[in-house]
Amino acid sequence: MFILKNAWISIKRNKGRNILIGIIILIIACACTITLAIKNTAGYLINSYKNAYEKEVTISFNRENMMKDFNPSQEEEKQKAKEKFDNISSYTISDVEKFADSDYIESYYYTYGVGLNGNSIEKAEIESNNDIPNGFGHGKENNMSSTDFTLTGYSSLDAMSEFISGTYTMSEITDNAWDIAFNGNYVFINEELAEYNDLKLNDKIKLEDEDGNIYEFEIIGIFKEKEEGNTNAMSMFSNSANTILTNASAVTNITTSNEDLRSTISPTFIIDSYDNVEKLQNEFYEKGLDENFVLQTNEEEATSGVSSIENINSFATTFLSLTLIIGGIVLFVINMINIRERKYEIGVLRTIGISKLKLTMQFVSELVIVSIVALILGACIGAVSSKGVSNALLESEINSSNERTEEIGKNFGGENMNGGMPDRGGDRGEMRGKGMPVVEAYDSIDAVVDIKVLLELLGIGLSLVLVSSVASMVSIQRFSPLTILKERS
């Protein structure tokens, strides 16, 4: 109690010096609060971007492995390469389901394509551009170029990557399209094909396989393809003019009834961690995946979007470090000057029997009291300021997120992602895991300056006090009271 009483008396007696110390700590506290808030905001954005991308794994053809030790100058080598290519295993939905049965995989979706000919409609171009997609070939041939149309079935909304990326956009759609799209014989057709055959919504079309089996579908949507870079220069129609979109169940029913049909499967697996990709690949090989296929992830795409935000985080860290270093030096110098000015006071107190420990604790207590008051004021000022600063950083991301959400919603034919749009598994909600961060403005100060920030600020303040108090601790231990009083006299 004696120490605190003396410390409070000393603070009141030396108001000017303590106000100066308080102002410096106040400025440091404000800067640290805003900087920590910026770091919190940057961390929030980084997590939002990383969570916006699900950890996807796809199976791709390993051309490098296929062409290993291949010598094109030798006819025998060419023949071996051809046989190697022709002998690559075919895969089915059962294989995909077998691959997906893994502890490393959380979920999966796929596209399932099959080649069919027109029965009641004609293809919209003279030469078909419906080459096999990048997927697993299944059937007696590995391409669909001999058929009029490619019927592509999606297993879920997530599999409709062309609409999510904006390559395809719905131009017309029935009111209940997304209620029935993933069950039954319903299709979306290209607007060029619709115009070529004078088709409209709710019309029925008939397709047939090579054995003459006929399949009837109802049109529930008409889409168009983005023209930039997607149009075949040798054709008046877009590449997707003869691509008809449906659900995977419809394609499965067709391939089940006729196992000789040419088909292709392109699965995407959602994994728990990128660190498990190699283990998953080995597991796939054990389950029968051909060695000429390899797993690829979207890790690079998922991390590329956060580079600029990580730069902000790094800058905030650097600024915080510089603030603490400069602030610590300034406080240390002020304390050194303070000790020299109060040298006689130290001598008197030591002469009347005050121990070095108590004297040191008094000087440290003075600085702690001033620091706590300044830290509280600085935290309050910084908290009020940090909300505006953080929301300013979030503003562009919020606008980009909203615009992207609206754009994807329009691609699917809706005003927004919740307007009649089925979520994964048929539930309604927002599209997730496709590179769209869910970012919201801070509506309260405590959302920016939370208990974590306050604890960090308290730790920073106490650290500065201890560092700057070293001057008084060392000086008091070195001073001799008799020498001090003698010099004074």
Protein backbone atom coordinates (compact mmCIF):
# COMPACT_ATOMS: atom_id res chain seq x y z
CA MET A 1 0.00 0.00 0.00
CA PHE A 2 2.89 2.33 0.84
CA ILE A 3 4.35 1.78 -2.64
CA LEU A 4 1.08 2.56 -4.45
CA LYS A 5 0.46 5.63 -2.24
CA ASN A 6 3.90 7.05 -2.98
CA ALA A 7 3.50 6.21 -6.67
CA TRP A 8 0.17 8.11 -6.85
CA ILE A 9 1.63 11.14 -5.04
CA SER A 10 4.60 11.14 -7.44
CA ILE A 11 2.26 10.98 -10.47
CA LYS A 12 0.28 14.00 -9.26
CA ARG A 13 3.46 15.93 -8.45
CA ASN A 14 5.01 15.30 -11.90
CA LYS A 15 1.92 15.83 -14.07
CA GLY A 16 3.71 17.16 -17.14
CA ARG A 17 6.12 14.27 -17.47
CA ASN A 18 3.42 11.65 -16.87
CA ILE A 19 1.03 13.29 -19.32
CA LEU A 20 3.80 13.09 -21.95
CA ILE A 21 4.33 9.39 -21.19
CA GLY A 22 0.57 8.85 -21.26
CA ILE A 23 0.22 10.55 -24.66
CA ILE A 24 2.98 8.37 -26.14
CA ILE A 25 1.39 5.18 -24.77
CA LEU A 26 -2.04 6.42 -25.93
CA ILE A 27 -0.74 6.83 -29.49
CA ILE A 28 0.93 3.42 -29.35
CA ALA A 29 -2.30 1.84 -28.02
CA CYS A 30 -4.40 3.44 -30.79
CA ALA A 31 -1.98 2.32 -33.48
CA CYS A 32 -1.73 -1.19 -32.05
CA THR A 33 -5.52 -1.53 -31.73
CA ILE A 34 -6.13 -0.49 -35.33
CA THR A 35 -3.26 -2.67 -36.55
CA LEU A 36 -4.51 -5.71 -34.63
CA ALA A 37 -8.01 -5.06 -36.00
CA ILE A 38 -6.60 -4.97 -39.53
CA LYS A 39 -4.79 -8.26 -38.88
CA ASN A 40 -8.04 -9.77 -37.59
CA THR A 41 -9.88 -8.53 -40.67
CA ALA A 42 -7.18 -9.86 -42.99
CA GLY A 43 -7.32 -13.22 -41.20
CA TYR A 44 -11.11 -13.23 -41.55
CA LEU A 45 -10.81 -12.55 -45.29
CA ILE A 46 -8.14 -15.21 -45.76
CA ASN A 47 -10.30 -17.81 -43.99
CA SER A 48 -13.33 -16.72 -46.01
CA TYR A 49 -11.46 -17.16 -49.29
CA LYS A 50 -9.99 -20.50 -48.28
CA ASN A 51 -13.39 -21.74 -47.11
CA ALA A 52 -14.92 -20.56 -50.38
CA TYR A 53 -12.94 -23.25 -52.17
CA GLU A 54 -13.65 -26.81 -51.25
CA LYS A 55 -10.60 -29.05 -51.51
CA GLU A 56 -11.29 -30.65 -54.87
CA VAL A 57 -9.52 -33.58 -56.50
CA THR A 58 -10.07 -34.62 -60.11
CA ILE A 59 -8.69 -37.52 -62.12
CA SER A 60 -6.71 -36.54 -65.19
CA PHE A 61 -4.92 -38.41 -67.93
CA ASN A 62 -1.17 -38.64 -67.24
CA ARG A 63 0.27 -37.95 -70.70
CA GLU A 64 3.80 -37.69 -69.33
CA ASN A 65 3.60 -41.23 -67.95
CA MET A 66 1.93 -42.44 -71.14
CA MET A 67 4.70 -41.07 -73.36
CA LYS A 68 7.54 -42.21 -71.09
CA ASP A 69 10.26 -44.05 -73.02
CA PHE A 70 8.32 -43.48 -76.24
CA ASN A 71 10.45 -43.22 -79.40
CA PRO A 72 8.33 -41.88 -82.31
CA SER A 73 11.00 -42.79 -84.87
CA GLN A 74 10.45 -46.51 -84.34
CA GLU A 75 7.33 -48.10 -85.77
CA GLU A 76 7.38 -50.81 -83.10
CA GLU A 77 7.33 -48.16 -80.37
CA LYS A 78 4.37 -46.44 -82.03
CA GLN A 79 2.45 -49.68 -82.06
CA LYS A 80 3.21 -50.33 -78.38
CA ALA A 81 2.07 -46.81 -77.47
CA LYS A 82 -1.15 -47.32 -79.43
CA GLU A 83 -1.83 -50.61 -77.68
CA LYS A 84 -1.05 -49.03 -74.32
CA PHE A 85 -3.54 -46.24 -75.03
CA ASP A 86 -6.23 -48.63 -76.28
CA ASN A 87 -5.85 -50.86 -73.21
CA ILE A 88 -6.50 -48.13 -70.66
CA SER A 89 -9.24 -49.41 -68.38
CA SER A 90 -12.81 -48.20 -68.74
CA TYR A 91 -14.61 -46.81 -65.69
CA THR A 92 -18.23 -46.73 -64.57
CA ILE A 93 -20.26 -44.98 -61.88
CA SER A 94 -19.70 -48.06 -59.72
CA ASP A 95 -15.95 -47.44 -59.99
CA VAL A 96 -16.42 -43.79 -59.02
CA GLU A 97 -18.51 -44.80 -56.02
CA LYS A 98 -15.81 -47.31 -55.07
CA PHE A 99 -13.13 -44.61 -55.28
CA ALA A 100 -15.31 -42.22 -53.24
CA ASP A 101 -15.57 -44.76 -50.41
CA SER A 102 -12.51 -43.40 -48.63
CA ASP A 103 -11.74 -41.85 -45.26
CA TYR A 104 -10.07 -38.95 -47.08
CA ILE A 105 -13.15 -38.06 -49.15
CA GLU A 106 -16.04 -36.04 -47.70
CA SER A 107 -18.30 -35.94 -50.78
CA TYR A 108 -18.22 -36.09 -54.56
CA TYR A 109 -20.11 -35.16 -57.72
CA TYR A 110 -19.67 -35.91 -61.39
CA THR A 111 -20.81 -35.34 -64.96
CA TYR A 112 -21.92 -38.32 -67.01
CA GLY A 113 -21.96 -37.99 -70.79
CA VAL A 114 -23.29 -40.22 -73.57
CA GLY A 115 -23.54 -39.79 -77.35
CA LEU A 116 -27.01 -40.00 -78.96
CA ASN A 117 -28.55 -39.25 -82.34
CA GLY A 118 -31.56 -37.09 -83.10
CA ASN A 119 -34.94 -38.66 -83.72
CA SER A 120 -37.30 -35.70 -83.68
CA ILE A 121 -34.63 -32.98 -83.96
CA GLU A 122 -31.63 -32.29 -86.19
CA LYS A 123 -28.14 -31.34 -85.09
CA ALA A 124 -27.23 -27.70 -85.53
CA GLU A 125 -24.05 -28.17 -87.53
CA ILE A 126 -22.70 -30.17 -90.40
CA GLU A 127 -19.67 -31.57 -88.57
CA SER A 128 -20.07 -32.51 -84.94
CA ASN A 129 -17.85 -30.74 -82.42
CA ASN A 130 -18.88 -33.07 -79.62
CA ASP A 131 -15.50 -34.58 -78.84
CA ILE A 132 -15.24 -36.60 -75.67
CA PRO A 133 -14.91 -34.48 -72.52
CA ASN A 134 -11.97 -34.87 -70.17
CA GLY A 135 -13.17 -37.91 -68.24
CA PHE A 136 -13.17 -41.69 -68.06
CA GLY A 137 -14.13 -43.37 -71.34
CA HIS A 138 -16.56 -46.25 -71.09
CA GLY A 139 -17.77 -48.30 -74.07
CA LYS A 140 -16.50 -49.72 -77.31
CA GLU A 141 -14.98 -46.42 -78.47
CA ASN A 142 -13.38 -43.50 -76.69
CA ASN A 143 -15.17 -40.67 -78.51
CA MET A 144 -18.65 -39.47 -79.35
CA SER A 145 -17.87 -37.70 -82.61
CA SER A 146 -19.96 -40.17 -84.61
CA THR A 147 -23.21 -39.17 -82.86
CA ASP A 148 -25.35 -36.09 -83.35
CA PHE A 149 -25.55 -34.96 -79.75
CA THR A 150 -23.72 -35.23 -76.46
CA LEU A 151 -26.13 -35.75 -73.58
CA THR A 152 -24.34 -34.49 -70.45
CA GLY A 153 -25.83 -35.42 -67.08
CA TYR A 154 -24.99 -33.56 -63.86
CA SER A 155 -25.13 -35.35 -60.52
CA SER A 156 -25.81 -32.11 -58.62
CA LEU A 157 -25.79 -28.34 -58.89
CA ASP A 158 -22.10 -28.28 -57.91
CA ALA A 159 -21.25 -30.28 -61.04
CA MET A 160 -22.63 -27.53 -63.29
CA SER A 161 -19.28 -25.75 -63.46
CA GLU A 162 -19.98 -24.14 -66.85
CA PHE A 163 -22.81 -22.11 -65.31
CA ILE A 164 -20.79 -21.27 -62.20
CA SER A 165 -17.89 -20.00 -64.31
CA GLY A 166 -20.19 -18.13 -66.69
CA THR A 167 -19.38 -20.18 -69.80
CA TYR A 168 -23.08 -21.08 -70.00
CA THR A 169 -25.95 -18.77 -69.08
CA MET A 170 -29.64 -19.59 -68.90
CA SER A 171 -31.63 -17.39 -71.29
CA GLU A 172 -35.03 -19.04 -70.63
CA ILE A 173 -36.14 -21.36 -67.87
CA THR A 174 -39.43 -22.75 -66.52
CA ASP A 175 -40.63 -21.69 -63.08
CA ASN A 176 -40.19 -25.13 -61.54
CA ALA A 177 -37.02 -26.08 -63.44
CA TRP A 178 -34.79 -26.45 -60.38
CA ASP A 179 -37.42 -28.48 -58.55
CA ILE A 180 -37.34 -31.21 -61.19
CA ALA A 181 -33.98 -30.73 -62.94
CA PHE A 182 -32.13 -33.54 -61.16
CA ASN A 183 -34.79 -36.21 -61.49
CA GLY A 184 -36.56 -37.45 -64.60
CA ASN A 185 -36.09 -36.88 -68.32
CA TYR A 186 -35.71 -33.10 -68.35
CA VAL A 187 -33.14 -31.21 -70.40
CA PHE A 188 -31.60 -27.81 -71.05
CA ILE A 189 -30.70 -27.14 -74.69
CA ASN A 190 -28.57 -24.54 -76.43
CA GLU A 191 -30.54 -21.60 -77.85
CA GLU A 192 -28.92 -22.18 -81.25
CA LEU A 193 -30.25 -25.73 -81.31
CA ALA A 194 -33.65 -24.45 -80.15
CA GLU A 195 -33.76 -21.89 -82.95
CA TYR A 196 -32.50 -24.38 -85.53
CA ASN A 197 -35.32 -26.82 -84.67
CA ASP A 198 -37.96 -24.21 -83.71
CA LEU A 199 -38.10 -25.48 -80.11
CA LYS A 200 -39.38 -23.71 -77.00
CA LEU A 201 -39.85 -24.41 -73.30
CA ASN A 202 -41.93 -27.49 -72.38
CA ASP A 203 -41.52 -28.98 -75.88
CA LYS A 204 -40.67 -32.69 -76.08
CA ILE A 205 -37.67 -33.97 -78.02
CA LYS A 206 -36.70 -37.53 -78.91
CA LEU A 207 -33.18 -38.93 -79.10
CA GLU A 208 -32.07 -42.42 -80.03
CA ASP A 209 -29.03 -44.58 -79.55
CA GLU A 210 -27.17 -46.55 -82.20
CA ASP A 211 -29.42 -49.54 -81.63
CA GLY A 212 -32.55 -47.52 -82.36
CA ASN A 213 -33.80 -47.20 -78.76
CA ILE A 214 -35.73 -43.94 -78.39
CA TYR A 215 -35.60 -41.65 -75.35
CA GLU A 216 -37.98 -38.73 -74.82
CA PHE A 217 -37.11 -35.56 -72.90
CA GLU A 218 -38.92 -32.36 -71.94
CA ILE A 219 -37.19 -28.99 -72.36
CA ILE A 220 -37.20 -27.00 -69.11
CA GLY A 221 -34.48 -24.50 -69.97
CA ILE A 222 -32.60 -22.89 -72.85
CA PHE A 223 -29.03 -21.72 -72.37
CA LYS A 224 -26.45 -19.84 -74.39
CA GLU A 225 -22.67 -20.09 -74.49
CA LYS A 226 -20.30 -17.23 -73.90
CA GLU A 227 -18.86 -16.44 -77.30
CA GLU A 228 -15.34 -15.30 -76.39
CA GLY A 229 -12.88 -18.06 -77.27
CA ASN A 230 -15.57 -20.75 -77.39
CA THR A 231 -16.70 -20.61 -80.99
CA ASN A 232 -15.35 -22.97 -83.63
CA ALA A 233 -13.97 -20.85 -86.45
CA MET A 234 -14.98 -23.54 -88.97
CA SER A 235 -18.63 -23.54 -87.86
CA MET A 236 -21.42 -20.99 -87.64
CA PHE A 237 -22.50 -22.55 -84.34
CA SER A 238 -20.92 -22.54 -80.89
CA ASN A 239 -19.17 -25.60 -79.51
CA SER A 240 -22.09 -26.40 -77.23
CA ALA A 241 -24.78 -26.08 -79.93
CA ASN A 242 -25.35 -29.84 -79.92
CA THR A 243 -24.72 -30.38 -76.22
CA ILE A 244 -27.88 -31.27 -74.33
CA LEU A 245 -27.81 -31.00 -70.55
CA THR A 246 -29.72 -33.22 -68.15
CA ASN A 247 -29.23 -35.02 -64.84
CA ALA A 248 -26.90 -37.96 -64.21
CA SER A 249 -29.83 -40.26 -63.34
CA ALA A 250 -31.28 -39.87 -66.83
CA VAL A 251 -27.94 -40.78 -68.43
CA THR A 252 -27.53 -43.72 -66.03
CA ASN A 253 -30.91 -45.09 -67.07
CA ILE A 254 -29.86 -44.92 -70.72
CA THR A 255 -26.46 -46.57 -70.26
CA THR A 256 -27.99 -49.24 -68.02
CA SER A 257 -30.50 -50.19 -70.71
CA ASN A 258 -27.75 -50.30 -73.35
CA GLU A 259 -24.31 -51.17 -71.94
CA ASP A 260 -22.61 -50.82 -75.34
CA LEU A 261 -23.22 -47.08 -75.50
CA ARG A 262 -20.18 -44.82 -75.54
CA SER A 263 -20.06 -42.75 -72.37
CA THR A 264 -17.68 -40.67 -70.25
CA ILE A 265 -17.53 -39.91 -66.52
CA SER A 266 -15.79 -36.88 -64.99
CA PRO A 267 -15.86 -37.09 -61.17
CA THR A 268 -14.77 -34.45 -58.65
CA PHE A 269 -13.96 -35.56 -55.09
CA ILE A 270 -14.06 -33.25 -52.06
CA ILE A 271 -11.23 -34.23 -49.70
CA ASP A 272 -10.49 -33.33 -46.09
CA SER A 273 -6.94 -32.06 -46.66
CA TYR A 274 -4.54 -31.44 -49.55
CA ASP A 275 -1.91 -33.25 -47.48
CA ASN A 276 -3.72 -36.54 -48.12
CA VAL A 277 -3.70 -36.36 -51.94
CA GLU A 278 -0.74 -38.70 -52.36
CA LYS A 279 -2.26 -41.22 -49.95
CA LEU A 280 -5.58 -40.98 -51.78
CA GLN A 281 -3.90 -41.52 -55.14
CA ASN A 282 -2.20 -44.68 -53.89
CA GLU A 283 -5.55 -45.83 -52.51
CA PHE A 284 -7.15 -45.24 -55.93
CA TYR A 285 -4.43 -47.31 -57.62
CA GLU A 286 -5.09 -50.12 -55.16
CA LYS A 287 -8.79 -49.92 -56.03
CA GLY A 288 -8.06 -50.28 -59.74
CA LEU A 289 -7.26 -46.83 -61.10
CA ASP A 290 -5.06 -47.14 -64.17
CA GLU A 291 -1.48 -45.89 -63.68
CA ASN A 292 -1.94 -43.60 -66.66
CA PHE A 293 -4.32 -41.46 -64.62
CA VAL A 294 -3.19 -39.05 -61.91
CA LEU A 295 -4.94 -36.92 -59.26
CA GLN A 296 -4.98 -33.14 -59.56
CA THR A 297 -6.17 -30.59 -57.00
CA ASN A 298 -7.45 -27.00 -57.04
CA GLU A 299 -4.98 -25.96 -54.31
CA GLU A 300 -3.20 -23.40 -56.50
CA GLU A 301 -6.50 -21.82 -57.49
CA ALA A 302 -7.69 -21.78 -53.88
CA THR A 303 -4.55 -20.06 -52.55
CA SER A 304 -3.99 -17.59 -55.39
CA GLY A 305 -6.94 -15.42 -54.31
CA VAL A 306 -5.51 -14.65 -50.87
CA SER A 307 -2.05 -13.41 -51.90
CA SER A 308 -2.98 -9.72 -51.86
CA ILE A 309 -4.76 -10.09 -48.52
CA GLU A 310 -1.74 -11.89 -47.06
CA ASN A 311 0.34 -8.89 -48.16
CA ILE A 312 -1.95 -6.64 -46.08
CA ASN A 313 -1.54 -9.00 -43.15
CA SER A 314 2.26 -8.94 -43.53
CA PHE A 315 2.27 -5.14 -43.79
CA ALA A 316 0.16 -4.87 -40.62
CA THR A 317 2.58 -7.19 -38.80
CA THR A 318 5.57 -5.13 -39.94
CA PHE A 319 3.87 -1.86 -38.96
CA LEU A 320 3.00 -3.28 -35.53
CA SER A 321 6.60 -4.39 -34.97
CA LEU A 322 8.00 -0.98 -35.95
CA THR A 323 5.48 0.79 -33.70
CA LEU A 324 6.49 -1.32 -30.73
CA ILE A 325 10.21 -0.92 -31.36
CA ILE A 326 10.03 2.86 -31.77
CA GLY A 327 7.58 3.22 -28.88
CA GLY A 328 9.77 1.10 -26.61
CA ILE A 329 12.87 3.16 -27.44
CA VAL A 330 11.06 6.48 -26.83
CA LEU A 331 9.67 5.30 -23.49
CA PHE A 332 13.10 3.97 -22.46
CA VAL A 333 14.73 7.33 -23.22
CA ILE A 334 12.03 9.27 -21.34
CA ASN A 335 12.47 6.99 -18.35
CA MET A 336 16.24 7.51 -18.43
CA ILE A 337 15.70 11.28 -18.36
CA ASN A 338 13.08 10.87 -15.63
CA ILE A 339 15.50 8.90 -13.45
CA ARG A 340 18.26 11.50 -13.86
CA GLU A 341 15.86 14.32 -12.92
CA ARG A 342 14.71 12.41 -9.82
CA LYS A 343 18.18 11.34 -8.77
CA TYR A 344 18.09 13.43 -5.54
CA GLU A 345 14.65 12.03 -4.65
CA ILE A 346 16.07 8.51 -5.00
CA GLY A 347 18.99 9.43 -2.74
CA VAL A 348 16.71 10.80 0.00
CA LEU A 349 14.39 7.78 -0.10
CA ARG A 350 17.33 5.40 0.06
CA THR A 351 18.85 7.35 2.99
CA ILE A 352 15.68 7.11 5.11
CA GLY A 353 15.73 3.33 4.65
CA ILE A 354 13.59 2.57 1.61
CA SER A 355 15.00 -0.58 0.05
CA LYS A 356 16.09 -0.77 -3.57
CA LEU A 357 13.31 -3.30 -4.28
CA LYS A 358 10.54 -1.08 -2.89
CA LEU A 359 11.94 1.95 -4.67
CA THR A 360 12.08 0.05 -7.96
CA MET A 361 8.52 -1.19 -7.47
CA GLN A 362 7.34 2.38 -6.84
CA PHE A 363 8.83 3.67 -10.09
CA VAL A 364 7.44 0.70 -12.02
CA SER A 365 4.02 1.21 -10.36
CA GLU A 366 3.96 4.85 -11.50
CA LEU A 367 4.55 3.75 -15.08
CA VAL A 368 2.00 0.91 -14.82
CA ILE A 369 -0.74 3.25 -13.52
CA VAL A 370 -0.12 5.80 -16.27
CA SER A 371 0.10 3.02 -18.86
CA ILE A 372 -3.17 1.35 -17.84
CA VAL A 373 -5.08 4.64 -18.08
CA ALA A 374 -3.50 5.41 -21.45
CA LEU A 375 -4.09 1.87 -22.73
CA ILE A 376 -7.80 2.02 -21.82
CA LEU A 377 -8.22 5.37 -23.57
CA GLY A 378 -6.16 4.20 -26.54
CA ALA A 379 -8.14 0.97 -26.83
CA CYS A 380 -11.44 2.89 -26.82
CA ILE A 381 -10.28 5.38 -29.45
CA GLY A 382 -8.69 2.62 -31.53
CA ALA A 383 -11.79 0.42 -31.27
CA VAL A 384 -14.04 3.18 -32.59
CA SER A 385 -11.62 3.93 -35.43
CA SER A 386 -10.89 0.29 -36.28
CA LYS A 387 -14.50 -0.51 -37.23
CA GLY A 388 -14.41 2.06 -40.04
CA VAL A 389 -10.91 1.04 -41.13
CA SER A 390 -11.81 -2.67 -41.22
CA ASN A 391 -15.08 -2.09 -43.07
CA ALA A 392 -13.19 0.02 -45.61
CA LEU A 393 -10.93 -2.99 -46.23
CA LEU A 394 -13.97 -5.29 -46.51
CA GLU A 395 -15.97 -3.00 -48.78
CA SER A 396 -14.41 -4.05 -52.07
CA GLU A 397 -14.57 -7.74 -51.11
CA ILE A 398 -18.24 -7.43 -50.13
CA ASN A 399 -19.06 -5.72 -53.42
CA SER A 400 -17.14 -8.35 -55.39
CA SER A 401 -18.84 -11.17 -53.48
CA ASN A 402 -22.31 -9.71 -54.03
CA GLU A 403 -21.66 -9.09 -57.71
CA ARG A 404 -20.31 -12.61 -58.17
CA THR A 405 -23.31 -14.09 -56.35
CA GLU A 406 -25.73 -12.14 -58.52
CA GLU A 407 -23.81 -13.07 -61.66
CA ILE A 408 -23.92 -16.81 -60.88
CA GLY A 409 -27.58 -16.52 -59.97
CA LYS A 410 -28.29 -14.98 -63.36
CA ASN A 411 -26.23 -17.68 -65.07
CA PHE A 412 -28.63 -20.22 -63.60
CA GLY A 413 -31.62 -18.14 -64.66
CA GLY A 414 -32.46 -16.60 -61.27
CA GLU A 415 -32.08 -13.16 -59.75
CA ASN A 416 -30.07 -14.61 -56.88
CA MET A 417 -28.78 -17.94 -55.67
CA ASN A 418 -31.70 -18.43 -53.27
CA GLY A 419 -34.46 -17.80 -55.79
CA GLY A 420 -35.67 -21.28 -56.58
CA MET A 421 -32.17 -22.70 -56.61
CA PRO A 422 -31.54 -26.15 -55.12
CA ASP A 423 -28.53 -26.50 -52.89
CA ARG A 424 -26.25 -29.52 -52.79
CA GLY A 425 -28.33 -32.61 -52.21
CA GLY A 426 -31.57 -30.86 -53.17
CA ASP A 427 -31.81 -28.47 -50.22
CA ARG A 428 -32.19 -24.77 -50.83
CA GLY A 429 -29.45 -22.31 -49.97
CA GLU A 430 -26.41 -20.55 -51.31
CA MET A 431 -23.88 -22.07 -53.65
CA ARG A 432 -20.83 -23.04 -51.56
CA GLY A 433 -17.27 -24.05 -52.26
CA LYS A 434 -16.96 -22.35 -55.65
CA GLY A 435 -14.58 -19.48 -54.95
CA MET A 436 -17.19 -17.09 -53.56
CA PRO A 437 -16.22 -15.89 -50.06
CA VAL A 438 -19.11 -15.08 -47.73
CA VAL A 439 -18.01 -11.64 -46.48
CA GLU A 440 -20.09 -9.31 -44.31
CA ALA A 441 -19.42 -5.84 -42.89
CA TYR A 442 -18.78 -5.49 -39.16
CA ASP A 443 -21.91 -4.13 -37.49
CA SER A 444 -20.40 -3.68 -34.02
CA ILE A 445 -17.10 -2.64 -32.52
CA ASP A 446 -16.68 -5.83 -30.50
CA ALA A 447 -16.74 -7.82 -33.75
CA VAL A 448 -13.50 -6.06 -34.75
CA VAL A 449 -11.86 -5.49 -31.36
CA ASP A 450 -12.75 -8.67 -29.52
CA ILE A 451 -11.38 -10.05 -26.27
CA LYS A 452 -8.43 -11.50 -28.17
CA VAL A 453 -7.39 -8.05 -29.41
CA LEU A 454 -7.78 -6.54 -25.93
CA LEU A 455 -5.65 -9.27 -24.38
CA GLU A 456 -3.02 -8.79 -27.08
CA LEU A 457 -3.08 -5.04 -26.45
CA LEU A 458 -2.72 -5.59 -22.70
CA GLY A 459 0.22 -7.88 -23.31
CA ILE A 460 1.83 -5.33 -25.61
CA GLY A 461 1.32 -2.54 -23.06
CA LEU A 462 2.78 -4.51 -20.18
CA SER A 463 5.72 -5.57 -22.33
CA LEU A 464 6.50 -1.94 -23.17
CA VAL A 465 6.24 -1.02 -19.49
CA LEU A 466 8.69 -3.74 -18.52
CA VAL A 467 11.12 -2.83 -21.28
CA SER A 468 11.03 0.88 -20.52
CA SER A 469 11.26 0.18 -16.76
CA VAL A 470 14.63 -1.45 -17.24
CA ALA A 471 16.15 2.04 -17.13
CA SER A 472 14.78 2.74 -13.66
CA MET A 473 15.60 -0.76 -12.38
CA VAL A 474 19.23 -0.59 -13.46
CA SER A 475 19.76 3.01 -12.36
CA ILE A 476 18.27 2.52 -8.91
CA GLN A 477 20.47 -0.52 -8.31
CA ARG A 478 23.59 1.43 -9.31
CA PHE A 479 22.92 4.67 -7.42
CA SER A 480 24.63 5.20 -4.02
CA PRO A 481 22.50 7.43 -1.71
CA LEU A 482 25.53 9.07 -0.05
CA THR A 483 27.09 9.88 -3.39
CA ILE A 484 23.82 11.35 -4.64
CA LEU A 485 23.37 13.61 -1.60
CA LYS A 486 27.00 14.68 -1.66
CA GLU A 487 26.76 15.68 -5.30
CA ARG A 488 23.55 17.59 -4.53
CA SER A 489 25.25 19.56 -1.70
